Amino acid sequence: MLTPDTIRSHFDSRDIKYMQSPDGDRFSAGWTSGRHRFGTEIILIDDGEFVVFRTKDLRTVAPDHPGRARLLERLNELTFKYRVVKFVIDPSDGELMFTCEQWFREGMVSADGFGQRYHGFIRAIETGLDVALECLDEADPARKAC
């Protein structure tokens, strides 16, 4: 089981800025890494036995973007490679989103145990963003010049 106290402990010990929802079941944290800035959200379900890690506000990819088909192909490859992390574009609004859903039924999870999973998700996001930007920039020469 993963508790809000465990998440707070991990974030506080590493000076990670975060916000916690009033009900205590959601955490949001910003992240800057290399050329990427993104938000993450952690959602505790069933008293922390099931946890959703997801990105927030990465980017929107329009249905007619010239790189969208290639990006979807590459995101599918990443999802197959990582298995536990899903790399998707929300069909309803075009939001580029990465999610990871995990059960935490093996007893109480330590702050370090949570940190290993969370930072593994961060590394997967970085890989996914590298791929996404490469696909989208290749299809949009004006953006590549930026």
Foldseek 3Di string as FASTA:
>chain_A
DEALVLQCVLCVVVVWDWDADPVRQKIKTWDDDDPDTWMWMWGADPRNQKIKIKTPDRDFDDPPQQLVVVLQVVQVVLCVVVVQKHFDQPPVTRDTMIMGMDGDPPDYAHSVRVVVVVVVVVVSVVVSVVSVCVSRCVSPVVVVVD
